Amino acid sequence: MLTYLVSPPQQFVIPVTRGADLQFMVNRVDSSQNPVNWNAAVYITVDVPDQDFPTSVQAAVNGNQAIILLPMTLNDQVNVRTRWRMYMQTPNGAGTLTVPVAVGHFERDDGSAP
């Protein structure tokens, strides 16, 4: 049995509906559920089918809240196999440190075929 050296990011499902935007908030908290400022850029990358590069959506960050707006033009393109990843990116010396926050896939909740 293998043991993780570091904890993997949590996995979630994002439900989307054709023809609709989706806005949601991700609150950063510590183990006692106290708010913790992001002090970072937060964004999601989406592996849109039939595109060579992931689409990136920047979050609006305010304190411990990151608000993400996935536009209908993106939501209409994803299916149940489409993967996404959320990252936080902070300054780190001369560069940046990019850390995964969460990962997952989409769920179609609009009656369309996957």
C-alpha atoms as a PDB file:
ATOM      1  CA  MET A   1       0.000   0.000   0.000  1.00  0.00           C
ATOM      2  CA  LEU A   2       1.299   3.428  -0.965  1.00  0.00           C
ATOM      3  CA  THR A   3       1.042   6.450   1.271  1.00  0.00           C
ATOM      4  CA  TYR A   4       0.697   9.971  -0.112  1.00  0.00           C
ATOM      5  CA  LEU A   5       3.660  12.214   0.577  1.00  0.00           C
ATOM      6  CA  VAL A   6       1.315  15.225   0.334  1.00  0.00           C
ATOM      7  CA  SER A   7      -2.479  15.345   0.330  1.00  0.00           C
ATOM      8  CA  PRO A   8      -4.075  15.343  -3.148  1.00  0.00           C
ATOM      9  CA  PRO A   9      -6.526  18.126  -4.005  1.00  0.00           C
ATOM     10  CA  GLN A  10     -10.176  17.518  -3.168  1.00  0.00           C
ATOM     11  CA  GLN A  11     -12.427  16.338  -6.009  1.00  0.00           C
ATOM     12  CA  PHE A  12     -15.751  17.947  -6.907  1.00  0.00           C
ATOM     13  CA  VAL A  13     -18.411  17.902  -9.628  1.00  0.00           C
ATOM     14  CA  ILE A  14     -19.594  21.150 -11.246  1.00  0.00           C
ATOM     15  CA  PRO A  15     -23.184  20.889 -12.582  1.00  0.00           C
ATOM     16  CA  VAL A  16     -23.886  22.997 -15.689  1.00  0.00           C
ATOM     17  CA  THR A  17     -26.987  23.704 -17.747  1.00  0.00           C
ATOM     18  CA  ARG A  18     -26.989  24.502 -21.456  1.00  0.00           C
ATOM     19  CA  GLY A  19     -27.649  28.181 -22.185  1.00  0.00           C
ATOM     20  CA  ALA A  20     -26.861  29.336 -18.638  1.00  0.00           C
ATOM     21  CA  ASP A  21     -23.963  30.991 -16.853  1.00  0.00           C
ATOM     22  CA  LEU A  22     -22.810  29.518 -13.555  1.00  0.00           C
ATOM     23  CA  GLN A  23     -21.398  31.622 -10.741  1.00  0.00           C
ATOM     24  CA  PHE A  24     -20.176  30.129  -7.480  1.00  0.00           C
ATOM     25  CA  MET A  25     -17.991  31.061  -4.549  1.00  0.00           C
ATOM     26  CA  VAL A  26     -15.142  29.146  -2.954  1.00  0.00           C
ATOM     27  CA  ASN A  27     -14.333  30.218   0.606  1.00  0.00           C
ATOM     28  CA  ARG A  28     -10.895  29.500   2.004  1.00  0.00           C
ATOM     29  CA  VAL A  29     -10.953  28.404   5.642  1.00  0.00           C
ATOM     30  CA  ASP A  30      -8.557  26.734   8.051  1.00  0.00           C
ATOM     31  CA  SER A  31      -9.144  23.406   9.817  1.00  0.00           C
ATOM     32  CA  SER A  32     -11.298  25.196  12.440  1.00  0.00           C
ATOM     33  CA  GLN A  33     -13.448  26.787   9.702  1.00  0.00           C
ATOM     34  CA  ASN A  34     -12.012  30.266  10.320  1.00  0.00           C
ATOM     35  CA  PRO A  35     -11.686  32.485   7.196  1.00  0.00           C
ATOM     36  CA  VAL A  36      -8.214  32.646   5.629  1.00  0.00           C
ATOM     37  CA  ASN A  37      -7.374  35.283   3.008  1.00  0.00           C
ATOM     38  CA  TRP A  38      -6.398  33.828  -0.342  1.00  0.00           C
ATOM     39  CA  ASN A  39      -3.589  36.367  -0.847  1.00  0.00           C
ATOM     40  CA  ALA A  40      -3.280  34.784  -4.281  1.00  0.00           C
ATOM     41  CA  ALA A  41      -4.676  34.747  -7.777  1.00  0.00           C
ATOM     42  CA  VAL A  42      -7.278  31.975  -8.127  1.00  0.00           C
ATOM     43  CA  TYR A  43      -8.347  30.469 -11.436  1.00  0.00           C
ATOM     44  CA  ILE A  44      -9.897  27.411 -13.057  1.00  0.00           C
ATOM     45  CA  THR A  45      -8.644  25.668 -16.178  1.00  0.00           C
ATOM     46  CA  VAL A  46     -11.088  23.610 -18.239  1.00  0.00           C
ATOM     47  CA  ASP A  47     -10.074  20.945 -20.781  1.00  0.00           C
ATOM     48  CA  VAL A  48     -12.684  21.952 -23.378  1.00  0.00           C
ATOM     49  CA  PRO A  49     -13.243  19.138 -25.902  1.00  0.00           C
ATOM     50  CA  ASP A  50     -11.697  19.723 -29.352  1.00  0.00           C
ATOM     51  CA  GLN A  51      -9.402  22.516 -28.125  1.00  0.00           C
ATOM     52  CA  ASP A  52      -5.619  22.169 -28.038  1.00  0.00           C
ATOM     53  CA  PHE A  53      -5.170  24.201 -24.837  1.00  0.00           C
ATOM     54  CA  PRO A  54      -7.227  24.475 -21.651  1.00  0.00           C
ATOM     55  CA  THR A  55      -9.515  27.476 -21.203  1.00  0.00           C
ATOM     56  CA  SER A  56      -8.675  29.537 -18.123  1.00  0.00           C
ATOM     57  CA  VAL A  57     -11.225  31.478 -16.043  1.00  0.00           C
ATOM     58  CA  GLN A  58      -9.930  33.945 -13.462  1.00  0.00           C
ATOM     59  CA  ALA A  59     -11.747  34.266 -10.125  1.00  0.00           C
ATOM     60  CA  ALA A  60     -12.560  37.580  -8.474  1.00  0.00           C
ATOM     61  CA  VAL A  61     -10.812  37.317  -5.099  1.00  0.00           C
ATOM     62  CA  ASN A  62     -11.901  39.307  -2.037  1.00  0.00           C
ATOM     63  CA  GLY A  63     -10.399  38.233   1.280  1.00  0.00           C
ATOM     64  CA  ASN A  64     -11.233  34.558   1.792  1.00  0.00           C
ATOM     65  CA  GLN A  65     -13.765  34.478  -1.080  1.00  0.00           C
ATOM     66  CA  ALA A  66     -13.016  33.545  -4.682  1.00  0.00           C
ATOM     67  CA  ILE A  67     -15.980  34.128  -7.006  1.00  0.00           C
ATOM     68  CA  ILE A  68     -15.900  32.221 -10.270  1.00  0.00           C
ATOM     69  CA  LEU A  69     -18.159  32.939 -13.236  1.00  0.00           C
ATOM     70  CA  LEU A  70     -18.295  30.197 -15.862  1.00  0.00           C
ATOM     71  CA  PRO A  71     -19.972  31.735 -18.922  1.00  0.00           C
ATOM     72  CA  MET A  72     -22.630  29.879 -20.910  1.00  0.00           C
ATOM     73  CA  THR A  73     -20.330  29.857 -23.945  1.00  0.00           C
ATOM     74  CA  LEU A  74     -17.973  27.618 -21.962  1.00  0.00           C
ATOM     75  CA  ASN A  75     -20.669  25.587 -20.188  1.00  0.00           C
ATOM     76  CA  ASP A  76     -22.331  24.709 -23.498  1.00  0.00           C
ATOM     77  CA  GLN A  77     -19.089  23.053 -24.697  1.00  0.00           C
ATOM     78  CA  VAL A  78     -18.325  20.767 -21.753  1.00  0.00           C
ATOM     79  CA  ASN A  79     -19.563  17.226 -21.162  1.00  0.00           C
ATOM     80  CA  VAL A  80     -19.376  14.688 -18.330  1.00  0.00           C
ATOM     81  CA  ARG A  81     -15.840  13.705 -19.329  1.00  0.00           C
ATOM     82  CA  THR A  82     -14.547  17.302 -19.298  1.00  0.00           C
ATOM     83  CA  ARG A  83     -12.012  17.830 -16.523  1.00  0.00           C
ATOM     84  CA  TRP A  84     -11.294  21.047 -14.651  1.00  0.00           C
ATOM     85  CA  ARG A  85      -8.673  22.154 -12.122  1.00  0.00           C
ATOM     86  CA  MET A  86      -8.664  25.073  -9.685  1.00  0.00           C
ATOM     87  CA  TYR A  87      -5.355  26.671  -8.761  1.00  0.00           C
ATOM     88  CA  MET A  88      -4.041  29.412  -6.519  1.00  0.00           C
ATOM     89  CA  GLN A  89      -0.941  31.252  -7.651  1.00  0.00           C
ATOM     90  CA  THR A  90       1.281  33.296  -5.349  1.00  0.00           C
ATOM     91  CA  PRO A  91       4.556  35.175  -5.814  1.00  0.00           C
ATOM     92  CA  ASN A  92       7.547  32.992  -4.991  1.00  0.00           C
ATOM     93  CA  GLY A  93      10.939  34.683  -5.230  1.00  0.00           C
ATOM     94  CA  ALA A  94      11.498  35.699  -8.853  1.00  0.00           C
ATOM     95  CA  GLY A  95       8.629  33.507 -10.091  1.00  0.00           C
ATOM     96  CA  THR A  96       5.313  32.136  -8.933  1.00  0.00           C
ATOM     97  CA  LEU A  97       4.121  29.130  -6.958  1.00  0.00           C
ATOM     98  CA  THR A  98       1.068  27.421  -8.484  1.00  0.00           C
ATOM     99  CA  VAL A  99      -0.801  25.089  -6.121  1.00  0.00           C
ATOM    100  CA  PRO A 100      -3.833  22.913  -6.965  1.00  0.00           C
ATOM    101  CA  VAL A 101      -6.860  23.670  -4.796  1.00  0.00           C
ATOM    102  CA  ALA A 102      -9.468  21.310  -6.258  1.00  0.00           C
ATOM    103  CA  VAL A 103     -10.038  19.114  -9.304  1.00  0.00           C
ATOM    104  CA  GLY A 104     -13.010  17.433 -10.893  1.00  0.00           C
ATOM    105  CA  HIS A 105     -15.326  17.095 -13.842  1.00  0.00           C
ATOM    106  CA  PHE A 106     -18.620  18.524 -15.055  1.00  0.00           C
ATOM    107  CA  GLU A 107     -22.131  17.105 -14.862  1.00  0.00           C
ATOM    108  CA  ARG A 108     -24.765  18.009 -17.472  1.00  0.00           C
ATOM    109  CA  ASP A 109     -28.025  18.942 -15.792  1.00  0.00           C
ATOM    110  CA  ASP A 110     -30.005  20.060 -18.807  1.00  0.00           C
ATOM    111  CA  GLY A 111     -31.405  16.863 -20.326  1.00  0.00           C
ATOM    112  CA  SER A 112     -28.789  16.841 -23.084  1.00  0.00           C
ATOM    113  CA  ALA A 113     -26.769  13.766 -23.954  1.00  0.00           C
ATOM    114  CA  PRO A 114     -23.257  13.643 -22.441  1.00  0.00           C
END
